[in-house]
mmCIF file of all heavy atoms, coordinates in Angstrom:
data_MODEL
# 
_entry.id   MODEL 
# 
loop_
_atom_site.group_PDB 
_atom_site.id 
_atom_site.type_symbol 
_atom_site.label_atom_id 
_atom_site.label_alt_id 
_atom_site.label_comp_id 
_atom_site.label_asym_id 
_atom_site.label_entity_id 
_atom_site.label_seq_id 
_atom_site.pdbx_PDB_ins_code 
_atom_site.Cartn_x 
_atom_site.Cartn_y 
_atom_site.Cartn_z 
_atom_site.occupancy 
_atom_site.B_iso_or_equiv 
_atom_site.pdbx_formal_charge 
_atom_site.auth_seq_id 
_atom_site.auth_comp_id 
_atom_site.auth_asym_id 
_atom_site.auth_atom_id 
_atom_site.pdbx_PDB_model_num 
ATOM 1   N N   . ILE A 1 1  ? 0.875  -1.167  0.000  1.00 0.00 ? 1  ILE A N   1 
ATOM 2   C CA  . ILE A 1 1  ? 0.000  0.000   0.000  1.00 0.00 ? 1  ILE A CA  1 
ATOM 3   C C   . ILE A 1 1  ? 0.912  1.217   0.000  1.00 0.00 ? 1  ILE A C   1 
ATOM 4   O O   . ILE A 1 1  ? 1.539  1.524   1.018  1.00 0.00 ? 1  ILE A O   1 
ATOM 5   C CB  . ILE A 1 1  ? -0.917 0.001   1.244  1.00 0.00 ? 1  ILE A CB  1 
ATOM 6   C CG1 . ILE A 1 1  ? -1.700 -1.310  1.322  1.00 0.00 ? 1  ILE A CG1 1 
ATOM 7   C CG2 . ILE A 1 1  ? -1.828 1.216   1.231  1.00 0.00 ? 1  ILE A CG2 1 
ATOM 8   C CD1 . ILE A 1 1  ? -2.244 -1.621  2.690  1.00 0.00 ? 1  ILE A CD1 1 
ATOM 9   N N   . GLY A 1 2  ? 1.038  1.858   -1.156 1.00 0.00 ? 2  GLY A N   1 
ATOM 10  C CA  . GLY A 1 2  ? 1.993  2.961   -1.262 1.00 0.00 ? 2  GLY A CA  1 
ATOM 11  C C   . GLY A 1 2  ? 3.398  2.458   -0.987 1.00 0.00 ? 2  GLY A C   1 
ATOM 12  O O   . GLY A 1 2  ? 3.835  1.470   -1.556 1.00 0.00 ? 2  GLY A O   1 
ATOM 13  N N   . ALA A 1 3  ? 4.108  3.118   -0.073 1.00 0.00 ? 3  ALA A N   1 
ATOM 14  C CA  . ALA A 1 3  ? 5.470  2.729   0.274  1.00 0.00 ? 3  ALA A CA  1 
ATOM 15  C C   . ALA A 1 3  ? 5.511  1.632   1.340  1.00 0.00 ? 3  ALA A C   1 
ATOM 16  O O   . ALA A 1 3  ? 6.571  1.131   1.683  1.00 0.00 ? 3  ALA A O   1 
ATOM 17  C CB  . ALA A 1 3  ? 6.250  3.950   0.763  1.00 0.00 ? 3  ALA A CB  1 
ATOM 18  N N   . LEU A 1 4  ? 4.355  1.237   1.847  1.00 0.00 ? 4  LEU A N   1 
ATOM 19  C CA  . LEU A 1 4  ? 4.249  0.247   2.917  1.00 0.00 ? 4  LEU A CA  1 
ATOM 20  C C   . LEU A 1 4  ? 4.145  -1.161  2.344  1.00 0.00 ? 4  LEU A C   1 
ATOM 21  O O   . LEU A 1 4  ? 3.351  -1.419  1.438  1.00 0.00 ? 4  LEU A O   1 
ATOM 22  C CB  . LEU A 1 4  ? 3.011  0.537   3.771  1.00 0.00 ? 4  LEU A CB  1 
ATOM 23  C CG  . LEU A 1 4  ? 2.746  -0.421  4.936  1.00 0.00 ? 4  LEU A CG  1 
ATOM 24  C CD1 . LEU A 1 4  ? 3.791  -0.215  6.020  1.00 0.00 ? 4  LEU A CD1 1 
ATOM 25  C CD2 . LEU A 1 4  ? 1.350  -0.197  5.471  1.00 0.00 ? 4  LEU A CD2 1 
ATOM 26  N N   . THR A 1 5  ? 4.959  -2.072  2.885  1.00 0.00 ? 5  THR A N   1 
ATOM 27  C CA  . THR A 1 5  ? 4.892  -3.486  2.531  1.00 0.00 ? 5  THR A CA  1 
ATOM 28  C C   . THR A 1 5  ? 4.474  -4.255  3.773  1.00 0.00 ? 5  THR A C   1 
ATOM 29  O O   . THR A 1 5  ? 5.067  -4.086  4.839  1.00 0.00 ? 5  THR A O   1 
ATOM 30  C CB  . THR A 1 5  ? 6.257  -4.002  2.030  1.00 0.00 ? 5  THR A CB  1 
ATOM 31  O OG1 . THR A 1 5  ? 6.587  -3.307  0.829  1.00 0.00 ? 5  THR A OG1 1 
ATOM 32  C CG2 . THR A 1 5  ? 6.223  -5.490  1.752  1.00 0.00 ? 5  THR A CG2 1 
ATOM 33  N N   . GLN A 1 6  ? 3.443  -5.082  3.634  1.00 0.00 ? 6  GLN A N   1 
ATOM 34  C CA  . GLN A 1 6  ? 2.945  -5.893  4.738  1.00 0.00 ? 6  GLN A CA  1 
ATOM 35  C C   . GLN A 1 6  ? 3.186  -7.366  4.431  1.00 0.00 ? 6  GLN A C   1 
ATOM 36  O O   . GLN A 1 6  ? 2.954  -7.815  3.316  1.00 0.00 ? 6  GLN A O   1 
ATOM 37  C CB  . GLN A 1 6  ? 1.447  -5.678  4.935  1.00 0.00 ? 6  GLN A CB  1 
ATOM 38  C CG  . GLN A 1 6  ? 1.092  -4.274  5.336  1.00 0.00 ? 6  GLN A CG  1 
ATOM 39  C CD  . GLN A 1 6  ? -0.406 -4.091  5.492  1.00 0.00 ? 6  GLN A CD  1 
ATOM 40  O OE1 . GLN A 1 6  ? -1.196 -4.642  4.731  1.00 0.00 ? 6  GLN A OE1 1 
ATOM 41  N NE2 . GLN A 1 6  ? -0.795 -3.311  6.492  1.00 0.00 ? 6  GLN A NE2 1 
ATOM 42  N N   . ILE A 1 7  ? 3.642  -8.098  5.455  1.00 0.00 ? 7  ILE A N   1 
ATOM 43  C CA  . ILE A 1 7  ? 3.882  -9.530  5.322  1.00 0.00 ? 7  ILE A CA  1 
ATOM 44  C C   . ILE A 1 7  ? 3.055  -10.244 6.381  1.00 0.00 ? 7  ILE A C   1 
ATOM 45  O O   . ILE A 1 7  ? 3.199  -9.985  7.574  1.00 0.00 ? 7  ILE A O   1 
ATOM 46  C CB  . ILE A 1 7  ? 5.375  -9.880  5.498  1.00 0.00 ? 7  ILE A CB  1 
ATOM 47  C CG1 . ILE A 1 7  ? 6.219  -9.093  4.497  1.00 0.00 ? 7  ILE A CG1 1 
ATOM 48  C CG2 . ILE A 1 7  ? 5.586  -11.382 5.348  1.00 0.00 ? 7  ILE A CG2 1 
ATOM 49  C CD1 . ILE A 1 7  ? 7.709  -9.269  4.686  1.00 0.00 ? 7  ILE A CD1 1 
ATOM 50  N N   . THR A 1 8  ? 2.184  -11.147 5.922  1.00 0.00 ? 8  THR A N   1 
ATOM 51  C CA  . THR A 1 8  ? 1.331  -11.924 6.812  1.00 0.00 ? 8  THR A CA  1 
ATOM 52  C C   . THR A 1 8  ? 1.975  -13.283 7.052  1.00 0.00 ? 8  THR A C   1 
ATOM 53  O O   . THR A 1 8  ? 2.457  -13.923 6.113  1.00 0.00 ? 8  THR A O   1 
ATOM 54  C CB  . THR A 1 8  ? -0.062 -12.120 6.178  1.00 0.00 ? 8  THR A CB  1 
ATOM 55  O OG1 . THR A 1 8  ? -0.611 -10.834 5.909  1.00 0.00 ? 8  THR A OG1 1 
ATOM 56  C CG2 . THR A 1 8  ? -0.981 -12.884 7.088  1.00 0.00 ? 8  THR A CG2 1 
ATOM 57  N N   . ASP A 1 9  ? 1.970  -13.736 8.278  1.00 0.00 ? 9  ASP A N   1 
ATOM 58  C CA  . ASP A 1 9  ? 2.490  -15.049 8.635  1.00 0.00 ? 9  ASP A CA  1 
ATOM 59  C C   . ASP A 1 9  ? 1.475  -16.096 8.173  1.00 0.00 ? 9  ASP A C   1 
ATOM 60  O O   . ASP A 1 9  ? 0.354  -16.134 8.682  1.00 0.00 ? 9  ASP A O   1 
ATOM 61  C CB  . ASP A 1 9  ? 2.692  -15.128 10.144 1.00 0.00 ? 9  ASP A CB  1 
ATOM 62  C CG  . ASP A 1 9  ? 3.227  -16.469 10.612 1.00 0.00 ? 9  ASP A CG  1 
ATOM 63  O OD1 . ASP A 1 9  ? 3.342  -17.416 9.800  1.00 0.00 ? 9  ASP A OD1 1 
ATOM 64  O OD2 . ASP A 1 9  ? 3.526  -16.577 11.820 1.00 0.00 ? 9  ASP A OD2 1 
ATOM 65  N N   . PRO A 1 10 ? 1.829  -16.953 7.202  1.00 0.00 ? 10 PRO A N   1 
ATOM 66  C CA  . PRO A 1 10 ? 0.853  -17.932 6.695  1.00 0.00 ? 10 PRO A CA  1 
ATOM 67  C C   . PRO A 1 10 ? 0.427  -18.945 7.757  1.00 0.00 ? 10 PRO A C   1 
ATOM 68  O O   . PRO A 1 10 ? -0.648 -19.530 7.664  1.00 0.00 ? 10 PRO A O   1 
ATOM 69  C CB  . PRO A 1 10 ? 1.583  -18.604 5.532  1.00 0.00 ? 10 PRO A CB  1 
ATOM 70  C CG  . PRO A 1 10 ? 3.025  -18.366 5.786  1.00 0.00 ? 10 PRO A CG  1 
ATOM 71  C CD  . PRO A 1 10 ? 3.126  -17.080 6.553  1.00 0.00 ? 10 PRO A CD  1 
ATOM 72  N N   . GLU A 1 11 ? 1.250  -19.156 8.782  1.00 0.00 ? 11 GLU A N   1 
ATOM 73  C CA  . GLU A 1 11 ? 0.904  -20.083 9.854  1.00 0.00 ? 11 GLU A CA  1 
ATOM 74  C C   . GLU A 1 11 ? -0.058 -19.451 10.861 1.00 0.00 ? 11 GLU A C   1 
ATOM 75  O O   . GLU A 1 11 ? -0.727 -20.151 11.609 1.00 0.00 ? 11 GLU A O   1 
ATOM 76  C CB  . GLU A 1 11 ? 2.177  -20.553 10.578 1.00 0.00 ? 11 GLU A CB  1 
ATOM 77  C CG  . GLU A 1 11 ? 3.179  -21.250 9.675  1.00 0.00 ? 11 GLU A CG  1 
ATOM 78  C CD  . GLU A 1 11 ? 2.629  -22.533 9.063  1.00 0.00 ? 11 GLU A CD  1 
ATOM 79  O OE1 . GLU A 1 11 ? 1.935  -23.280 9.782  1.00 0.00 ? 11 GLU A OE1 1 
ATOM 80  O OE2 . GLU A 1 11 ? 2.890  -22.779 7.872  1.00 0.00 ? 11 GLU A OE2 1 
ATOM 81  N N   . ASN A 1 12 ? -0.079 -18.119 10.899 1.00 0.00 ? 12 ASN A N   1 
ATOM 82  C CA  . ASN A 1 12 ? -0.931 -17.378 11.838 1.00 0.00 ? 12 ASN A CA  1 
ATOM 83  C C   . ASN A 1 12 ? -1.602 -16.219 11.117 1.00 0.00 ? 12 ASN A C   1 
ATOM 84  O O   . ASN A 1 12 ? -1.306 -15.053 11.402 1.00 0.00 ? 12 ASN A O   1 
ATOM 85  C CB  . ASN A 1 12 ? -0.098 -16.865 13.020 1.00 0.00 ? 12 ASN A CB  1 
ATOM 86  C CG  . ASN A 1 12 ? 0.522  -17.994 13.802 1.00 0.00 ? 12 ASN A CG  1 
ATOM 87  O OD1 . ASN A 1 12 ? -0.171 -18.783 14.414 1.00 0.00 ? 12 ASN A OD1 1 
ATOM 88  N ND2 . ASN A 1 12 ? 1.848  -18.069 13.760 1.00 0.00 ? 12 ASN A ND2 1 
ATOM 89  N N   . PRO A 1 13 ? -2.496 -16.503 10.163 1.00 0.00 ? 13 PRO A N   1 
ATOM 90  C CA  . PRO A 1 13 ? -3.075 -15.433 9.352  1.00 0.00 ? 13 PRO A CA  1 
ATOM 91  C C   . PRO A 1 13 ? -3.934 -14.440 10.136 1.00 0.00 ? 13 PRO A C   1 
ATOM 92  O O   . PRO A 1 13 ? -4.186 -13.334 9.663  1.00 0.00 ? 13 PRO A O   1 
ATOM 93  C CB  . PRO A 1 13 ? -3.916 -16.179 8.308  1.00 0.00 ? 13 PRO A CB  1 
ATOM 94  C CG  . PRO A 1 13 ? -4.162 -17.528 8.899  1.00 0.00 ? 13 PRO A CG  1 
ATOM 95  C CD  . PRO A 1 13 ? -2.999 -17.815 9.804  1.00 0.00 ? 13 PRO A CD  1 
ATOM 96  N N   . GLY A 1 14 ? -4.345 -14.790 11.350 1.00 0.00 ? 14 GLY A N   1 
ATOM 97  C CA  . GLY A 1 14 ? -5.136 -13.874 12.166 1.00 0.00 ? 14 GLY A CA  1 
ATOM 98  C C   . GLY A 1 14 ? -4.296 -12.816 12.867 1.00 0.00 ? 14 GLY A C   1 
ATOM 99  O O   . GLY A 1 14 ? -4.820 -11.812 13.358 1.00 0.00 ? 14 GLY A O   1 
ATOM 100 N N   . ASN A 1 15 ? -2.992 -13.051 12.938 1.00 0.00 ? 15 ASN A N   1 
ATOM 101 C CA  . ASN A 1 15 ? -2.100 -12.072 13.572 1.00 0.00 ? 15 ASN A CA  1 
ATOM 102 C C   . ASN A 1 15 ? -1.926 -10.857 12.671 1.00 0.00 ? 15 ASN A C   1 
ATOM 103 O O   . ASN A 1 15 ? -1.999 -10.972 11.442 1.00 0.00 ? 15 ASN A O   1 
ATOM 104 C CB  . ASN A 1 15 ? -0.726 -12.685 13.841 1.00 0.00 ? 15 ASN A CB  1 
ATOM 105 C CG  . ASN A 1 15 ? -0.748 -13.695 14.968 1.00 0.00 ? 15 ASN A CG  1 
ATOM 106 O OD1 . ASN A 1 15 ? -1.754 -13.856 15.659 1.00 0.00 ? 15 ASN A OD1 1 
ATOM 107 N ND2 . ASN A 1 15 ? 0.357  -14.382 15.148 1.00 0.00 ? 15 ASN A ND2 1 
ATOM 108 N N   . PRO A 1 16 ? -1.679 -9.695  13.251 1.00 0.00 ? 16 PRO A N   1 
ATOM 109 C CA  . PRO A 1 16 ? -1.441 -8.518  12.406 1.00 0.00 ? 16 PRO A CA  1 
ATOM 110 C C   . PRO A 1 16 ? -0.195 -8.726  11.544 1.00 0.00 ? 16 PRO A C   1 
ATOM 111 O O   . PRO A 1 16 ? 0.765  -9.368  11.989 1.00 0.00 ? 16 PRO A O   1 
ATOM 112 C CB  . PRO A 1 16 ? -1.230 -7.382  13.395 1.00 0.00 ? 16 PRO A CB  1 
ATOM 113 C CG  . PRO A 1 16 ? -1.297 -7.951  14.761 1.00 0.00 ? 16 PRO A CG  1 
ATOM 114 C CD  . PRO A 1 16 ? -1.586 -9.410  14.668 1.00 0.00 ? 16 PRO A CD  1 
ATOM 115 N N   . PRO A 1 17 ? -0.197 -8.199  10.332 1.00 0.00 ? 17 PRO A N   1 
ATOM 116 C CA  . PRO A 1 17 ? 0.987  -8.370  9.467  1.00 0.00 ? 17 PRO A CA  1 
ATOM 117 C C   . PRO A 1 17 ? 2.167  -7.548  9.980  1.00 0.00 ? 17 PRO A C   1 
ATOM 118 O O   . PRO A 1 17 ? 1.991  -6.540  10.665 1.00 0.00 ? 17 PRO A O   1 
ATOM 119 C CB  . PRO A 1 17 ? 0.503  -7.845  8.118  1.00 0.00 ? 17 PRO A CB  1 
ATOM 120 C CG  . PRO A 1 17 ? -0.614 -6.924  8.436  1.00 0.00 ? 17 PRO A CG  1 
ATOM 121 C CD  . PRO A 1 17 ? -1.254 -7.435  9.688  1.00 0.00 ? 17 PRO A CD  1 
ATOM 122 N N   . LYS A 1 18 ? 3.351  -8.007  9.627  1.00 0.00 ? 18 LYS A N   1 
ATOM 123 C CA  . LYS A 1 18 ? 4.563  -7.214  9.862  1.00 0.00 ? 18 LYS A CA  1 
ATOM 124 C C   . LYS A 1 18 ? 4.566  -6.120  8.815  1.00 0.00 ? 18 LYS A C   1 
ATOM 125 O O   . LYS A 1 18 ? 4.221  -6.359  7.655  1.00 0.00 ? 18 LYS A O   1 
ATOM 126 C CB  . LYS A 1 18 ? 5.833  -8.069  9.724  1.00 0.00 ? 18 LYS A CB  1 
ATOM 127 C CG  . LYS A 1 18 ? 5.910  -9.224  10.681 1.00 0.00 ? 18 LYS A CG  1 
ATOM 128 C CD  . LYS A 1 18 ? 6.212  -8.751  12.066 1.00 0.00 ? 18 LYS A CD  1 
ATOM 129 C CE  . LYS A 1 18 ? 6.399  -9.965  12.984 1.00 0.00 ? 18 LYS A CE  1 
ATOM 130 N NZ  . LYS A 1 18 ? 6.558  -9.591  14.357 1.00 0.00 ? 18 LYS A NZ  1 
ATOM 131 N N   . GLU A 1 19 ? 4.965  -4.926  9.201  1.00 0.00 ? 19 GLU A N   1 
ATOM 132 C CA  . GLU A 1 19 ? 4.939  -3.797  8.266  1.00 0.00 ? 19 GLU A CA  1 
ATOM 133 C C   . GLU A 1 19 ? 6.322  -3.187  8.127  1.00 0.00 ? 19 GLU A C   1 
ATOM 134 O O   . GLU A 1 19 ? 7.035  -3.008  9.111  1.00 0.00 ? 19 GLU A O   1 
ATOM 135 C CB  . GLU A 1 19 ? 3.945  -2.735  8.746  1.00 0.00 ? 19 GLU A CB  1 
ATOM 136 C CG  . GLU A 1 19 ? 2.526  -3.241  8.766  1.00 0.00 ? 19 GLU A CG  1 
ATOM 137 C CD  . GLU A 1 19 ? 1.508  -2.166  9.118  1.00 0.00 ? 19 GLU A CD  1 
ATOM 138 O OE1 . GLU A 1 19 ? 1.885  -1.161  9.750  1.00 0.00 ? 19 GLU A OE1 1 
ATOM 139 O OE2 . GLU A 1 19 ? 0.340  -2.340  8.735  1.00 0.00 ? 19 GLU A OE2 1 
ATOM 140 N N   . PHE A 1 20 ? 6.666  -2.885  6.886  1.00 0.00 ? 20 PHE A N   1 
ATOM 141 C CA  . PHE A 1 20 ? 7.948  -2.279  6.548  1.00 0.00 ? 20 PHE A CA  1 
ATOM 142 C C   . PHE A 1 20 ? 7.693  -1.138  5.572  1.00 0.00 ? 20 PHE A C   1 
ATOM 143 O O   . PHE A 1 20 ? 6.880  -1.285  4.662  1.00 0.00 ? 20 PHE A O   1 
ATOM 144 C CB  . PHE A 1 20 ? 8.883  -3.315  5.900  1.00 0.00 ? 20 PHE A CB  1 
ATOM 145 C CG  . PHE A 1 20 ? 9.120  -4.515  6.764  1.00 0.00 ? 20 PHE A CG  1 
ATOM 146 C CD1 . PHE A 1 20 ? 8.287  -5.624  6.671  1.00 0.00 ? 20 PHE A CD1 1 
ATOM 147 C CD2 . PHE A 1 20 ? 10.158 -4.538  7.667  1.00 0.00 ? 20 PHE A CD2 1 
ATOM 148 C CE1 . PHE A 1 20 ? 8.482  -6.735  7.467  1.00 0.00 ? 20 PHE A CE1 1 
ATOM 149 C CE2 . PHE A 1 20 ? 10.374 -5.652  8.476  1.00 0.00 ? 20 PHE A CE2 1 
ATOM 150 C CZ  . PHE A 1 20 ? 9.530  -6.755  8.373  1.00 0.00 ? 20 PHE A CZ  1 
ATOM 151 N N   . THR A 1 21 ? 8.392  -0.048  5.753  1.00 0.00 ? 21 THR A N   1 
ATOM 152 C CA  . THR A 1 21 ? 8.241  1.086   4.847  1.00 0.00 ? 21 THR A CA  1 
ATOM 153 C C   . THR A 1 21 ? 9.541  1.286   4.079  1.00 0.00 ? 21 THR A C   1 
ATOM 154 O O   . THR A 1 21 ? 10.624 1.292   4.671  1.00 0.00 ? 21 THR A O   1 
ATOM 155 C CB  . THR A 1 21 ? 7.890  2.372   5.624  1.00 0.00 ? 21 THR A CB  1 
ATOM 156 O OG1 . THR A 1 21 ? 6.685  2.138   6.351  1.00 0.00 ? 21 THR A OG1 1 
ATOM 157 C CG2 . THR A 1 21 ? 7.672  3.533   4.678  1.00 0.00 ? 21 THR A CG2 1 
ATOM 158 N N   . PHE A 1 22 ? 9.411  1.424   2.772  1.00 0.00 ? 22 PHE A N   1 
ATOM 159 C CA  . PHE A 1 22 ? 10.536 1.669   1.879  1.00 0.00 ? 22 PHE A CA  1 
ATOM 160 C C   . PHE A 1 22 ? 10.271 2.965   1.134  1.00 0.00 ? 22 PHE A C   1 
ATOM 161 O O   . PHE A 1 22 ? 9.176  3.518   1.194  1.00 0.00 ? 22 PHE A O   1 
ATOM 162 C CB  . PHE A 1 22 ? 10.683 0.503   0.881  1.00 0.00 ? 22 PHE A CB  1 
ATOM 163 C CG  . PHE A 1 22 ? 10.921 -0.821  1.544  1.00 0.00 ? 22 PHE A CG  1 
ATOM 164 C CD1 . PHE A 1 22 ? 9.852  -1.644  1.881  1.00 0.00 ? 22 PHE A CD1 1 
ATOM 165 C CD2 . PHE A 1 22 ? 12.202 -1.257  1.824  1.00 0.00 ? 22 PHE A CD2 1 
ATOM 166 C CE1 . PHE A 1 22 ? 10.052 -2.870  2.496  1.00 0.00 ? 22 PHE A CE1 1 
ATOM 167 C CE2 . PHE A 1 22 ? 12.423 -2.482  2.439  1.00 0.00 ? 22 PHE A CE2 1 
ATOM 168 C CZ  . PHE A 1 22 ? 11.341 -3.292  2.778  1.00 0.00 ? 22 PHE A CZ  1 
ATOM 169 N N   . ASP A 1 23 ? 11.253 3.437   0.402  1.00 0.00 ? 23 ASP A N   1 
ATOM 170 C CA  . ASP A 1 23 ? 11.000 4.593   -0.459 1.00 0.00 ? 23 ASP A CA  1 
ATOM 171 C C   . ASP A 1 23 ? 9.945  4.248   -1.501 1.00 0.00 ? 23 ASP A C   1 
ATOM 172 O O   . ASP A 1 23 ? 9.086  5.065   -1.817 1.00 0.00 ? 23 ASP A O   1 
ATOM 173 C CB  . ASP A 1 23 ? 12.297 5.061   -1.141 1.00 0.00 ? 23 ASP A CB  1 
ATOM 174 C CG  . ASP A 1 23 ? 13.291 5.610   -0.142 1.00 0.00 ? 23 ASP A CG  1 
ATOM 175 O OD1 . ASP A 1 23 ? 12.987 6.635   0.494  1.00 0.00 ? 23 ASP A OD1 1 
ATOM 176 O OD2 . ASP A 1 23 ? 14.372 4.993   0.013  1.00 0.00 ? 23 ASP A OD2 1 
ATOM 177 N N   . PHE A 1 24 ? 10.020 3.017   -2.007 1.00 0.00 ? 24 PHE A N   1 
ATOM 178 C CA  . PHE A 1 24 ? 9.064  2.540   -3.002 1.00 0.00 ? 24 PHE A CA  1 
ATOM 179 C C   . PHE A 1 24 ? 8.745  1.074   -2.735 1.00 0.00 ? 24 PHE A C   1 
ATOM 180 O O   . PHE A 1 24 ? 9.654  0.280   -2.512 1.00 0.00 ? 24 PHE A O   1 
ATOM 181 C CB  . PHE A 1 24 ? 9.617  2.667   -4.429 1.00 0.00 ? 24 PHE A CB  1 
ATOM 182 C CG  . PHE A 1 24 ? 10.016 4.054   -4.805 1.00 0.00 ? 24 PHE A CG  1 
ATOM 183 C CD1 . PHE A 1 24 ? 11.338 4.466   -4.717 1.00 0.00 ? 24 PHE A CD1 1 
ATOM 184 C CD2 . PHE A 1 24 ? 9.068  4.971   -5.250 1.00 0.00 ? 24 PHE A CD2 1 
ATOM 185 C CE1 . PHE A 1 24 ? 11.709 5.742   -5.067 1.00 0.00 ? 24 PHE A CE1 1 
ATOM 186 C CE2 . PHE A 1 24 ? 9.428  6.252   -5.591 1.00 0.00 ? 24 PHE A CE2 1 
ATOM 187 C CZ  . PHE A 1 24 ? 10.752 6.646   -5.496 1.00 0.00 ? 24 PHE A CZ  1 
ATOM 188 N N   . SER A 1 25 ? 7.490  0.723   -2.736 1.00 0.00 ? 25 SER A N   1 
ATOM 189 C CA  . SER A 1 25 ? 7.044  -0.669  -2.682 1.00 0.00 ? 25 SER A CA  1 
ATOM 190 C C   . SER A 1 25 ? 6.253  -0.911  -3.955 1.00 0.00 ? 25 SER A C   1 
ATOM 191 O O   . SER A 1 25 ? 5.181  -0.332  -4.142 1.00 0.00 ? 25 SER A O   1 
ATOM 192 C CB  . SER A 1 25 ? 6.154  -0.907  -1.455 1.00 0.00 ? 25 SER A CB  1 
ATOM 193 O OG  . SER A 1 25 ? 6.905  -0.851  -0.266 1.00 0.00 ? 25 SER A OG  1 
# 
């Protein structure tokens, strides 16, 4: 989403995703 990259844990899809911000995603 914009510069934000979210990674969801496939083993725990109900957990909030890890979020990382880059100059460009």
